[in-house]
Amino acid sequence: MTASVHPLPELVSFLDSLPEPHILCDRSYRILAANAAYRANCGRPEDLIGRKCYEVSHRYPVPCDQAGESCPLARSLISGQRERVVHLHHTSSGESYENIELSPVRDAQGEIAYFIEKLEPLPVARGFADDKGLIGRSQAFRAMLELVARVAPSEATVLLQGESGTGKELAAKAIHDASRRADRPFVAVDCSGLTETLFESELFGHEKGAFTGANTRKIGLVEAASGGTLFLDEMGDIPLTMQVKLLRLLETGTYRRVGSTELIRADIRLISATHRPLKTLVENGQFRQDLFYRVNAFPIGLPPLRNRRDDIPLLAEVLLGRVAPERKLRIAPEALASLVAYDYPGNVRELRNILERASLLCDGDTIMPNHLPDELLQPAATAMDDDLTRGNLPAAPALTPETAAPSDEEIAAALRNHTGSRKALATRLGISERTLYRRIKGLEAEEGN
């Protein structure tokens, strides 16, 4: 059906009464009404009516789903239900991440006639260089951010999984800041830095005289986080004996200080993080299965930096401002190209270290390629060739045009001698990275037989 361009005045009046930004759209993406809050939040409030919602919000010439994003209107037409997404919108104050909630409105025949779209700012993330919150625009970043936005308002236990340096504590803080506990404490605990003897005392506190050296009563970190969020970083490093006590806390919501018989009720929201595969640790008997199911209620994977290269220029600008705040440094295009091409085994933390070193080496106002580490300036294969020239590594068999596809023996020899990335090794062998992985898998299968 085709919806009327003149919606019920009662519906328009209802939108005007709402404090949050709302618009009314038809099935063709046309904006039919916008309340005062939306107009104040919009960059061009004077000519909204009749324009397409994607044109106003994104400045796209086509609907979101045709521009590589998830379109809540298109999804609602299929599902017939309310849909929620996180989008980067143009607003009166610049680009901003927004929680979008779109609800269908049906006519007397039960067909969808209109859509009401509600916008809520998501201040914990930025799509531009800013010193606050999570930074990114890439698809992998947005997928992670949508999970953060969905789980934050709830009380669900969250498990953040990702390589070291991907920003798990920042993500945990973003969840806390977007939750109902935002005005209460956020307490972070590095579990890898706690010995088994210290873990219980640090987490639950102790009474005076509970053990040698306990000269006063001490509250634990669970009590310090009361009403707020407790973030347990490197959850996979918690000793098995202590996992039992943590499980009891999660199951009963109570704990005891060391040396006390008094039960204390905990009022915390738990977020945990690990770079270790907890499922594998469970299978190996290194992590309790029952605890795993408790902390894994809502898992969120944090993408490595190599999977969000589009975000590197933004991150580099922000990190430069942090490591050299008194200087207005910029990055030369050729240096930025090297930064974007690098794989970052240490992720964002490694990028920060690279930029801090570069800022110390730079005497001017522009980071140049010569200020970057050697591994960023030349392909790993070239670096390996230099090592071979110096006699540091035995040479792999040379490939000729007639033997462009390396043999299994040549790949095995190259693997033994290679210290760089698989991508660099594939380049050296003259084959694609996908082919290299397939050949390696075949070699491993032969070794297993």
Protein backbone atom coordinates (compact mmCIF):
# COMPACT_ATOMS: atom_id res chain seq x y z
CA MET A 1 0.00 0.00 0.00
CA THR A 2 1.02 3.62 -0.32
CA ALA A 3 0.81 5.63 2.88
CA SER A 4 -0.80 9.05 2.83
CA VAL A 5 1.57 11.99 2.98
CA HIS A 6 -0.78 13.53 5.53
CA PRO A 7 -0.55 11.43 8.71
CA LEU A 8 -3.08 11.74 11.48
CA PRO A 9 -2.64 15.05 13.33
CA GLU A 10 -3.01 13.14 16.60
CA LEU A 11 0.09 11.11 15.69
CA VAL A 12 2.07 14.24 14.89
CA SER A 13 0.91 15.85 18.13
CA PHE A 14 2.03 12.75 20.04
CA LEU A 15 5.57 13.05 18.59
CA ASP A 16 5.74 16.70 19.61
CA SER A 17 5.05 15.73 23.22
CA LEU A 18 8.09 13.43 23.41
CA PRO A 19 11.37 14.79 24.83
CA GLU A 20 13.65 12.54 22.74
CA PRO A 21 14.24 13.17 19.00
CA HIS A 22 11.52 11.42 16.94
CA ILE A 23 10.51 11.41 13.29
CA LEU A 24 7.61 9.87 11.40
CA CYS A 25 8.43 8.21 8.06
CA ASP A 26 6.44 6.46 5.38
CA ARG A 27 7.37 3.21 3.65
CA SER A 28 9.37 5.16 1.05
CA TYR A 29 11.72 6.66 3.66
CA ARG A 30 10.08 10.10 3.45
CA ILE A 31 10.00 12.18 6.62
CA LEU A 32 6.40 13.20 7.27
CA ALA A 33 6.84 14.80 10.70
CA ALA A 34 9.65 15.66 13.10
CA ASN A 35 9.35 16.82 16.69
CA ALA A 36 11.19 19.79 18.19
CA ALA A 37 13.91 17.63 19.74
CA TYR A 38 14.75 16.08 16.37
CA ARG A 39 14.83 19.46 14.67
CA ALA A 40 17.20 20.79 17.34
CA ASN A 41 19.43 17.75 16.82
CA CYS A 42 19.39 18.02 13.04
CA GLY A 43 21.89 19.97 10.98
CA ARG A 44 19.21 21.32 8.59
CA PRO A 45 15.93 21.63 10.53
CA GLU A 46 14.24 24.03 8.12
CA ASP A 47 13.58 21.64 5.23
CA LEU A 48 13.04 18.20 6.76
CA ILE A 49 9.53 17.35 5.64
CA GLY A 50 9.42 15.36 2.42
CA ARG A 51 13.12 14.54 2.43
CA LYS A 52 14.42 10.99 2.77
CA CYS A 53 15.56 9.96 6.24
CA TYR A 54 18.85 8.53 4.94
CA GLU A 55 19.58 11.80 3.13
CA VAL A 56 19.12 13.79 6.34
CA SER A 57 20.83 11.44 8.78
CA HIS A 58 23.68 10.09 6.65
CA ARG A 59 23.76 12.33 3.59
CA TYR A 60 23.51 9.18 1.50
CA PRO A 61 21.90 9.22 -1.97
CA VAL A 62 20.50 5.70 -1.35
CA PRO A 63 18.96 3.85 1.65
CA CYS A 64 21.34 2.64 4.36
CA ASP A 65 21.23 -1.02 3.33
CA GLN A 66 22.32 -0.06 -0.18
CA ALA A 67 25.22 1.94 1.29
CA GLY A 68 26.65 -0.98 3.28
CA GLU A 69 24.79 -0.40 6.56
CA SER A 70 21.89 -2.07 8.31
CA CYS A 71 18.62 -0.24 7.60
CA PRO A 72 16.04 -0.55 10.40
CA LEU A 73 13.19 0.44 8.08
CA ALA A 74 14.03 -2.24 5.53
CA ARG A 75 14.41 -4.78 8.34
CA SER A 76 11.08 -3.80 9.88
CA LEU A 77 9.28 -4.20 6.56
CA ILE A 78 10.53 -7.80 6.51
CA SER A 79 10.06 -8.65 10.18
CA GLY A 80 6.95 -6.54 10.83
CA GLN A 81 8.42 -5.72 14.24
CA ARG A 82 10.37 -3.02 16.04
CA GLU A 83 14.04 -2.88 15.02
CA ARG A 84 17.10 -1.39 16.72
CA VAL A 85 20.48 -0.42 15.27
CA VAL A 86 23.42 1.87 16.04
CA HIS A 87 24.19 4.42 13.31
CA LEU A 88 26.63 7.27 12.84
CA HIS A 89 24.43 10.33 12.16
CA HIS A 90 25.06 13.90 11.10
CA THR A 91 23.79 16.20 13.83
CA SER A 92 23.92 19.89 14.66
CA SER A 93 27.11 19.26 16.65
CA GLY A 94 28.79 17.04 14.06
CA GLU A 95 28.75 13.29 13.54
CA SER A 96 27.45 11.28 16.47
CA TYR A 97 26.69 7.64 17.18
CA GLU A 98 22.97 7.21 17.85
CA ASN A 99 20.83 4.38 19.14
CA ILE A 100 18.01 4.04 16.59
CA GLU A 101 14.74 2.41 17.60
CA LEU A 102 12.20 2.13 14.79
CA SER A 103 8.60 0.98 15.38
CA PRO A 104 6.03 0.20 12.66
CA VAL A 105 2.59 1.83 12.82
CA ARG A 106 -0.25 -0.18 11.21
CA ASP A 107 -3.45 1.05 9.60
CA ALA A 108 -6.99 -0.27 10.10
CA GLN A 109 -6.27 -3.16 7.69
CA GLY A 110 -3.24 -4.24 9.70
CA GLU A 111 -0.72 -3.10 7.10
CA ILE A 112 2.35 -1.04 7.97
CA ALA A 113 1.58 2.57 7.05
CA TYR A 114 4.24 4.55 8.93
CA PHE A 115 7.36 4.19 11.03
CA ILE A 116 8.22 6.11 14.19
CA GLU A 117 11.97 6.48 14.64
CA LYS A 118 13.46 7.39 18.02
CA LEU A 119 17.05 8.60 18.40
CA GLU A 120 19.18 8.39 21.52
CA PRO A 121 22.79 9.66 21.56
CA LEU A 122 25.46 7.08 22.41
CA PRO A 123 28.08 9.35 24.01
CA VAL A 124 30.53 6.54 24.83
CA ALA A 125 31.77 6.33 21.22
CA ARG A 126 32.96 8.74 18.54
CA GLY A 127 33.27 8.53 14.77
CA PHE A 128 35.80 11.36 14.76
CA ALA A 129 39.03 12.22 16.55
CA ASP A 130 38.13 12.87 20.15
CA ASP A 131 39.80 12.26 23.48
CA LYS A 132 36.77 10.57 25.03
CA GLY A 133 35.28 7.14 24.55
CA LEU A 134 35.71 4.47 21.92
CA ILE A 135 36.93 5.69 18.52
CA GLY A 136 36.08 4.16 15.18
CA ARG A 137 34.01 4.11 11.99
CA SER A 138 34.85 0.71 10.49
CA GLN A 139 32.24 -2.01 10.06
CA ALA A 140 33.96 -4.26 12.61
CA PHE A 141 33.95 -1.43 15.15
CA ARG A 142 30.28 -0.65 14.54
CA ALA A 143 29.29 -4.30 14.96
CA MET A 144 31.05 -4.37 18.33
CA LEU A 145 29.53 -1.02 19.32
CA GLU A 146 26.00 -2.23 18.57
CA LEU A 147 26.49 -5.10 21.04
CA VAL A 148 27.81 -2.62 23.63
CA ALA A 149 24.74 -0.42 23.12
CA ARG A 150 22.34 -3.36 23.46
CA VAL A 151 23.80 -4.84 26.63
CA ALA A 152 24.69 -1.63 28.48
CA PRO A 153 21.19 -0.76 29.82
CA SER A 154 20.73 -4.28 31.20
CA GLU A 155 22.25 -5.98 34.24
CA ALA A 156 23.63 -8.87 32.15
CA THR A 157 27.10 -10.22 32.90
CA VAL A 158 29.41 -9.43 29.97
CA LEU A 159 32.52 -11.26 28.76
CA LEU A 160 34.84 -9.20 26.52
CA GLN A 161 37.10 -11.35 24.37
CA GLY A 162 39.95 -10.06 22.27
CA GLU A 163 43.68 -9.97 21.75
CA SER A 164 45.90 -7.99 24.09
CA GLY A 165 45.79 -4.29 23.34
CA THR A 166 42.35 -4.21 21.69
CA GLY A 167 40.89 -1.91 24.36
CA LYS A 168 38.88 -4.29 26.54
CA GLU A 169 38.95 -1.96 29.55
CA LEU A 170 37.77 0.95 27.38
CA ALA A 171 34.87 -1.19 26.16
CA ALA A 172 34.03 -2.19 29.75
CA LYS A 173 34.03 1.47 30.79
CA ALA A 174 31.79 2.32 27.82
CA ILE A 175 29.27 -0.33 28.94
CA HIS A 176 29.37 1.10 32.46
CA ASP A 177 28.98 4.70 31.26
CA ALA A 178 25.94 3.78 29.14
CA SER A 179 24.29 1.84 31.98
CA ARG A 180 22.01 2.80 34.83
CA ARG A 181 25.05 2.48 37.11
CA ALA A 182 27.01 5.22 35.33
CA ASP A 183 27.06 7.53 38.36
CA ARG A 184 28.41 4.77 40.62
CA PRO A 185 32.00 3.38 40.84
CA PHE A 186 33.77 1.55 38.04
CA VAL A 187 36.44 -0.65 39.65
CA ALA A 188 38.96 -2.47 37.44
CA VAL A 189 40.95 -5.47 38.69
CA ASP A 190 43.92 -6.98 36.83
CA CYS A 191 43.57 -10.64 37.77
CA SER A 192 46.94 -11.54 36.24
CA GLY A 193 48.66 -9.31 38.81
CA LEU A 194 47.10 -11.01 41.84
CA THR A 195 48.65 -14.05 43.52
CA GLU A 196 46.40 -16.77 44.88
CA THR A 197 47.06 -15.63 48.46
CA LEU A 198 46.18 -12.01 47.65
CA PHE A 199 43.18 -12.62 45.41
CA GLU A 200 40.56 -13.31 48.10
CA SER A 201 41.73 -10.47 50.34
CA GLU A 202 41.81 -7.96 47.48
CA LEU A 203 38.43 -8.98 46.13
CA PHE A 204 36.49 -9.49 49.35
CA GLY A 205 38.53 -7.55 51.92
CA HIS A 206 39.68 -8.79 55.34
CA GLU A 207 39.12 -8.24 59.04
CA LYS A 208 41.76 -6.99 61.44
CA GLY A 209 43.91 -9.93 62.54
CA ALA A 210 42.68 -12.24 59.77
CA PHE A 211 46.29 -13.07 58.90
CA THR A 212 49.80 -11.85 59.63
CA GLY A 213 50.07 -8.21 58.64
CA ALA A 214 46.30 -7.55 58.69
CA ASN A 215 46.56 -4.70 61.17
CA THR A 216 43.27 -3.04 60.19
CA ARG A 217 40.01 -3.98 58.56
CA LYS A 218 40.14 -3.50 54.78
CA ILE A 219 37.19 -3.38 52.40
CA GLY A 220 37.57 -5.39 49.21
CA LEU A 221 37.13 -4.34 45.61
CA VAL A 222 33.66 -5.90 45.45
CA GLU A 223 32.59 -3.59 48.27
CA ALA A 224 34.38 -0.63 46.66
CA ALA A 225 32.35 -1.23 43.50
CA SER A 226 29.05 -1.37 45.38
CA GLY A 227 26.23 0.01 43.25
CA GLY A 228 28.51 0.13 40.22
CA THR A 229 30.54 -2.14 37.96
CA LEU A 230 33.34 -4.57 38.81
CA PHE A 231 35.64 -5.22 35.84
CA LEU A 232 37.79 -8.34 36.10
CA ASP A 233 40.51 -8.12 33.47
CA GLU A 234 42.34 -11.29 32.39
CA MET A 235 39.68 -13.56 33.86
CA GLY A 236 41.49 -16.60 32.46
CA ASP A 237 44.35 -16.08 34.93
CA ILE A 238 42.23 -16.57 38.08
CA PRO A 239 43.48 -19.64 40.02
CA LEU A 240 41.08 -22.60 40.15
CA THR A 241 40.77 -22.40 43.94
CA MET A 242 39.67 -18.78 43.69
CA GLN A 243 37.26 -19.49 40.85
CA VAL A 244 35.08 -21.36 43.36
CA LYS A 245 34.78 -18.27 45.57
CA LEU A 246 33.99 -16.04 42.59
CA LEU A 247 31.32 -18.49 41.44
CA ARG A 248 29.73 -18.39 44.90
CA LEU A 249 29.63 -14.59 44.72
CA LEU A 250 27.86 -14.70 41.35
CA GLU A 251 25.41 -17.43 42.36
CA THR A 252 24.41 -16.13 45.79
CA GLY A 253 25.17 -12.44 45.45
CA THR A 254 26.94 -12.60 48.82
CA TYR A 255 30.50 -12.85 50.13
CA ARG A 256 32.50 -12.77 53.38
CA ARG A 257 35.56 -10.76 54.23
CA VAL A 258 38.59 -12.93 55.03
CA GLY A 259 38.45 -13.69 58.76
CA SER A 260 34.74 -12.88 59.10
CA THR A 261 31.58 -14.98 59.34
CA GLU A 262 29.28 -12.12 58.36
CA LEU A 263 27.61 -12.42 54.97
CA ILE A 264 27.68 -9.19 52.93
CA ARG A 265 25.32 -8.70 50.01
CA ALA A 266 27.02 -7.56 46.83
CA ASP A 267 25.45 -4.95 44.55
CA ILE A 268 27.63 -5.07 41.46
CA ARG A 269 27.39 -5.60 37.74
CA LEU A 270 30.22 -7.89 36.56
CA ILE A 271 32.14 -7.36 33.33
CA SER A 272 35.08 -9.64 32.68
CA ALA A 273 37.67 -9.80 29.93
CA THR A 274 40.27 -12.21 28.62
CA HIS A 275 42.63 -12.67 25.71
CA ARG A 276 42.74 -16.41 26.41
CA PRO A 277 40.23 -18.89 24.90
CA LEU A 278 38.13 -19.77 27.95
CA LYS A 279 36.42 -22.67 26.17
CA THR A 280 39.81 -24.28 25.60
CA LEU A 281 40.78 -23.65 29.22
CA VAL A 282 37.54 -25.36 30.28
CA GLU A 283 38.33 -28.37 28.09
CA ASN A 284 41.83 -28.54 29.59
CA GLY A 285 40.51 -28.36 33.15
CA GLN A 286 42.07 -24.93 33.78
CA PHE A 287 38.80 -23.04 34.09
CA ARG A 288 35.56 -24.12 35.76
CA GLN A 289 32.76 -24.86 33.32
CA ASP A 290 30.06 -23.58 35.69
CA LEU A 291 31.92 -20.29 36.13
CA PHE A 292 32.37 -20.01 32.36
CA TYR A 293 28.62 -20.22 31.83
CA ARG A 294 28.10 -17.56 34.51
CA VAL A 295 30.50 -14.99 33.04
CA ASN A 296 29.69 -15.78 29.38
CA ALA A 297 26.07 -14.58 29.52
CA PHE A 298 26.72 -11.91 26.87
CA PRO A 299 30.03 -12.33 25.00
CA ILE A 300 31.42 -9.47 22.90
CA GLY A 301 34.40 -9.94 20.62
CA LEU A 302 36.73 -6.96 20.19
CA PRO A 303 38.22 -6.87 16.69
CA PRO A 304 42.01 -6.71 16.31
CA LEU A 305 43.37 -3.54 14.75
CA ARG A 306 44.32 -5.34 11.53
CA ASN A 307 40.61 -6.00 10.99
CA ARG A 308 39.68 -2.31 11.34
CA ARG A 309 42.36 -0.55 9.30
CA ASP A 310 39.91 2.20 8.34
CA ASP A 311 40.09 3.36 11.97
CA ILE A 312 43.90 3.69 12.12
CA PRO A 313 44.05 7.32 10.87
CA LEU A 314 41.45 8.36 13.48
CA LEU A 315 43.18 6.43 16.25
CA ALA A 316 46.58 7.77 15.27
CA GLU A 317 45.31 11.35 15.49
CA VAL A 318 43.83 10.74 18.95
CA LEU A 319 46.86 8.85 20.27
CA LEU A 320 49.28 11.50 19.02
CA GLY A 321 47.33 14.06 21.01
CA ARG A 322 47.71 11.89 24.11
CA VAL A 323 51.42 11.07 23.84
CA ALA A 324 52.44 14.62 22.83
CA PRO A 325 49.63 16.89 24.08
CA GLU A 326 51.74 20.04 24.00
CA ARG A 327 52.60 19.63 20.31
CA LYS A 328 50.39 19.83 17.22
CA LEU A 329 51.90 16.91 15.38
CA ARG A 330 50.58 15.60 12.10
CA ILE A 331 51.46 12.48 10.10
CA ALA A 332 52.85 12.64 6.58
CA PRO A 333 50.74 10.70 4.01
CA GLU A 334 53.53 8.21 3.30
CA ALA A 335 54.01 7.57 7.03
CA LEU A 336 50.27 7.13 7.48
CA ALA A 337 50.23 4.60 4.62
CA SER A 338 52.86 2.55 6.48
CA LEU A 339 50.85 2.75 9.69
CA VAL A 340 47.70 1.56 7.95
CA ALA A 341 49.47 -1.34 6.22
CA TYR A 342 51.04 -2.79 9.39
CA ASP A 343 49.39 -5.79 11.11
CA TYR A 344 49.86 -4.71 14.77
CA PRO A 345 50.27 -7.91 16.80
CA GLY A 346 50.03 -5.62 19.85
CA ASN A 347 46.93 -3.83 18.48
CA VAL A 348 46.03 -0.31 19.68
CA ARG A 349 48.56 -0.47 22.51
CA GLU A 350 51.32 -1.12 19.95
CA LEU A 351 50.09 1.74 17.75
CA ARG A 352 50.30 4.06 20.76
CA ASN A 353 53.87 2.94 21.51
CA ILE A 354 54.89 3.43 17.87
CA LEU A 355 53.51 6.96 17.86
CA GLU A 356 55.09 7.84 21.18
CA ARG A 357 58.49 6.74 19.88
CA ALA A 358 57.91 8.62 16.61
CA SER A 359 56.97 11.81 18.48
CA LEU A 360 60.24 11.64 20.45
CA LEU A 361 62.27 11.17 17.28
CA CYS A 362 60.46 13.96 15.43
CA ASP A 363 61.98 17.43 15.89
CA GLY A 364 59.49 19.18 13.63
CA ASP A 365 55.72 19.08 13.41
CA THR A 366 55.31 16.16 10.97
CA ILE A 367 55.84 12.42 11.61
CA MET A 368 57.81 11.11 8.64
CA PRO A 369 58.52 7.49 7.60
CA ASN A 370 62.05 7.67 9.04
CA HIS A 371 60.51 8.22 12.49
CA LEU A 372 58.74 4.85 12.33
CA PRO A 373 60.20 1.44 13.29
CA ASP A 374 61.91 -0.55 10.55
CA GLU A 375 59.23 -3.24 10.48
CA LEU A 376 56.71 -0.65 9.28
CA LEU A 377 58.90 0.70 6.49
CA GLN A 378 59.59 -2.47 4.54
CA PRO A 379 57.69 -5.66 3.92
CA ALA A 380 58.65 -8.45 6.29
CA ALA A 381 59.86 -10.46 3.30
CA THR A 382 62.37 -7.73 2.42
CA ALA A 383 63.52 -7.59 6.02
CA MET A 384 64.03 -11.33 5.91
CA ASP A 385 66.07 -11.01 2.71
CA ASP A 386 68.34 -8.55 4.57
CA ASP A 387 68.79 -11.09 7.34
CA LEU A 388 69.69 -13.74 4.79
CA THR A 389 72.27 -11.40 3.26
CA ARG A 390 73.83 -10.91 6.68
CA GLY A 391 73.83 -14.68 7.21
CA ASN A 392 71.38 -14.58 10.09
CA LEU A 393 68.96 -17.08 8.54
CA PRO A 394 69.39 -20.04 6.18
CA ALA A 395 67.98 -19.31 2.76
CA ALA A 396 64.82 -21.00 1.56
CA PRO A 397 64.99 -22.65 -1.88
CA ALA A 398 64.83 -20.02 -4.61
CA LEU A 399 61.81 -20.08 -6.89
CA THR A 400 62.09 -19.84 -10.65
CA PRO A 401 59.35 -19.07 -13.19
CA GLU A 402 59.18 -22.78 -13.98
CA THR A 403 58.57 -23.65 -10.31
CA ALA A 404 56.32 -20.71 -9.38
CA ALA A 405 54.20 -23.03 -7.22
CA PRO A 406 56.50 -24.00 -4.33
CA SER A 407 56.74 -27.63 -3.29
CA ASP A 408 55.73 -28.90 0.14
CA GLU A 409 59.44 -29.16 1.06
CA GLU A 410 60.03 -25.55 0.06
CA ILE A 411 57.06 -24.33 2.13
CA ALA A 412 58.14 -26.41 5.13
CA ALA A 413 61.69 -25.02 4.90
CA ALA A 414 60.40 -21.46 4.58
CA LEU A 415 58.13 -21.95 7.60
CA ARG A 416 61.02 -23.17 9.74
CA ASN A 417 63.12 -20.14 8.89
CA HIS A 418 60.45 -17.43 8.80
CA THR A 419 59.89 -15.09 11.75
CA GLY A 420 57.53 -12.56 10.17
CA SER A 421 53.84 -12.65 9.25
CA ARG A 422 52.18 -15.30 7.07
CA LYS A 423 51.26 -12.54 4.64
CA ALA A 424 54.94 -11.69 4.21
CA LEU A 425 55.83 -15.35 3.77
CA ALA A 426 53.18 -15.75 1.06
CA THR A 427 54.65 -12.74 -0.75
CA ARG A 428 58.13 -14.25 -0.53
CA LEU A 429 56.94 -17.59 -1.91
CA GLY A 430 55.03 -15.91 -4.73
CA ILE A 431 51.63 -17.31 -3.76
CA SER A 432 48.47 -15.84 -2.23
CA GLU A 433 47.95 -15.82 1.53
CA ARG A 434 44.89 -18.06 1.12
CA THR A 435 46.93 -20.59 -0.87
CA LEU A 436 49.64 -20.54 1.78
CA TYR A 437 47.13 -21.30 4.55
CA ARG A 438 45.64 -24.14 2.51
CA ARG A 439 49.09 -25.64 1.86
CA ILE A 440 50.08 -25.32 5.54
CA LYS A 441 46.84 -27.03 6.56
CA GLY A 442 47.66 -29.86 4.18
CA LEU A 443 51.15 -30.21 5.64
CA GLU A 444 49.74 -30.32 9.18
CA ALA A 445 47.23 -32.98 8.13
CA GLU A 446 50.04 -35.11 6.66
CA GLU A 447 52.08 -34.76 9.87
CA GLY A 448 49.05 -35.87 11.91
CA ASN A 449 48.66 -39.11 9.89
